[in-house]
Amino acid sequence: MVFAALADPTRRAILSMLLEDDMAVTDVAEPFAMSLAGISKHLAILAEAGLISQEKRGRVKWCKLEPESLRDASVWMQGFGQFDRLDFDAFERFLETELSEALSDDASPAGD
């Protein structure tokens, strides 16, 4: 759910805004060219993923970043850092060699 929530650029922008401080929903919505209902849907997805929490203070609903969920996702992604980076040049040379061998095998007479 965390990665699905992070897939949307609007939701990533909202999280960046909440890095600074807690914000009222209306303040979160201000820089976006969409309705308050649209922003509320994005906030609901972020809350469902555990990336933010929402709290009503008086008549105002506030949003707060929940960094622990981001930390869990980051730790999970760092697990993939143990693998060596793919050498694309070497991989391309390998594919060219394999392809040229396969083509030469196909082009040779059937009696070989």
Protein backbone atom coordinates (compact mmCIF):
# COMPACT_ATOMS: atom_id res chain seq x y z
CA MET A 1 0.00 0.00 0.00
CA VAL A 2 2.89 2.36 0.75
CA PHE A 3 4.38 2.01 -2.72
CA ALA A 4 0.98 2.38 -4.38
CA ALA A 5 0.45 5.59 -2.43
CA LEU A 6 3.91 6.86 -3.37
CA ALA A 7 3.31 6.14 -7.06
CA ASP A 8 1.24 9.29 -7.51
CA PRO A 9 3.11 12.60 -7.96
CA THR A 10 0.40 14.60 -6.15
CA ARG A 11 0.71 12.37 -3.09
CA ARG A 12 4.51 12.64 -3.17
CA ALA A 13 4.17 16.43 -3.30
CA ILE A 14 1.81 16.36 -0.32
CA LEU A 15 4.32 14.30 1.66
CA SER A 16 7.06 16.80 0.78
CA MET A 17 4.88 19.61 2.08
CA LEU A 18 4.23 17.73 5.32
CA LEU A 19 7.97 17.32 5.89
CA GLU A 20 7.97 20.94 7.03
CA ASP A 21 5.15 20.78 9.55
CA ASP A 22 1.60 19.57 10.20
CA MET A 23 -0.89 21.24 7.89
CA ALA A 24 -4.61 21.82 7.75
CA VAL A 25 -6.33 20.05 4.86
CA THR A 26 -7.25 23.39 3.29
CA ASP A 27 -3.58 24.45 3.37
CA VAL A 28 -2.53 21.16 1.78
CA ALA A 29 -5.07 21.71 -1.00
CA GLU A 30 -4.08 25.32 -1.71
CA PRO A 31 -1.21 24.80 -4.21
CA PHE A 32 -3.06 22.15 -6.24
CA ALA A 33 -5.42 22.80 -9.13
CA MET A 34 -8.03 20.33 -7.92
CA SER A 35 -11.04 20.30 -5.68
CA LEU A 36 -10.89 19.86 -1.93
CA ALA A 37 -12.68 16.53 -2.46
CA GLY A 38 -9.90 15.43 -4.82
CA ILE A 39 -7.22 16.33 -2.28
CA SER A 40 -9.22 14.56 0.42
CA LYS A 41 -9.12 11.36 -1.65
CA HIS A 42 -5.34 11.64 -1.95
CA LEU A 43 -5.08 12.24 1.81
CA ALA A 44 -7.28 9.21 2.50
CA ILE A 45 -4.96 7.01 0.43
CA LEU A 46 -1.92 8.37 2.27
CA ALA A 47 -3.62 7.79 5.62
CA GLU A 48 -4.69 4.26 4.66
CA ALA A 49 -1.07 3.48 3.76
CA GLY A 50 0.02 4.83 7.14
CA LEU A 51 2.09 7.62 5.60
CA ILE A 52 0.09 10.37 7.30
CA SER A 53 -2.31 10.68 10.17
CA GLN A 54 -5.27 13.03 10.37
CA GLU A 55 -6.61 14.68 13.49
CA LYS A 56 -9.51 17.01 13.99
CA ARG A 57 -8.66 20.07 16.07
CA GLY A 58 -11.81 22.06 16.61
CA ARG A 59 -13.37 22.47 13.18
CA VAL A 60 -10.11 21.96 11.29
CA LYS A 61 -8.71 18.65 10.11
CA TRP A 62 -4.91 18.49 10.35
CA CYS A 63 -2.49 16.20 8.52
CA LYS A 64 0.76 14.94 9.99
CA LEU A 65 3.54 12.99 8.30
CA GLU A 66 4.16 9.55 9.82
CA PRO A 67 7.85 8.98 9.00
CA GLU A 68 7.96 5.42 10.40
CA SER A 69 6.06 4.08 7.37
CA LEU A 70 8.53 5.76 5.05
CA ARG A 71 11.39 4.35 7.09
CA ASP A 72 10.01 0.82 6.72
CA ALA A 73 9.74 1.23 2.94
CA SER A 74 13.25 2.67 2.79
CA VAL A 75 14.70 -0.25 4.76
CA TRP A 76 12.94 -2.68 2.43
CA MET A 77 14.33 -0.92 -0.67
CA GLN A 78 17.85 -0.80 0.79
CA GLY A 79 17.80 -4.59 0.81
CA PHE A 80 18.07 -4.43 -2.96
CA GLY A 81 21.24 -2.37 -2.70
CA GLN A 82 23.21 -5.50 -1.90
CA PHE A 83 23.13 -6.51 -5.53
CA ASP A 84 25.80 -5.29 -7.93
CA ARG A 85 24.72 -2.75 -10.48
CA LEU A 86 24.12 -4.22 -13.88
CA ASP A 87 26.92 -3.46 -16.35
CA PHE A 88 24.75 -2.59 -19.33
CA ASP A 89 27.70 -2.44 -21.75
CA ALA A 90 28.77 -5.97 -20.83
CA PHE A 91 25.16 -7.14 -20.99
CA GLU A 92 24.76 -5.61 -24.45
CA ARG A 93 27.95 -7.33 -25.66
CA PHE A 94 26.69 -10.63 -24.28
CA LEU A 95 23.35 -10.24 -26.05
CA GLU A 96 25.06 -9.32 -29.34
CA THR A 97 27.27 -12.41 -29.10
CA GLU A 98 24.34 -14.66 -28.30
CA LEU A 99 22.23 -13.18 -31.07
CA SER A 100 24.99 -13.44 -33.68
CA GLU A 101 25.62 -17.08 -32.69
CA ALA A 102 21.93 -17.88 -32.88
CA LEU A 103 21.65 -16.24 -36.29
CA SER A 104 24.71 -18.06 -37.62
CA ASP A 105 23.30 -21.38 -36.35
CA ASP A 106 20.03 -20.67 -38.17
CA ALA A 107 21.86 -19.73 -41.36
CA SER A 108 24.04 -22.86 -41.48
CA PRO A 109 22.93 -25.70 -43.80
CA ALA A 110 20.77 -28.41 -42.23
CA GLY A 111 23.44 -31.08 -42.88
CA ASP A 112 26.01 -29.52 -40.51
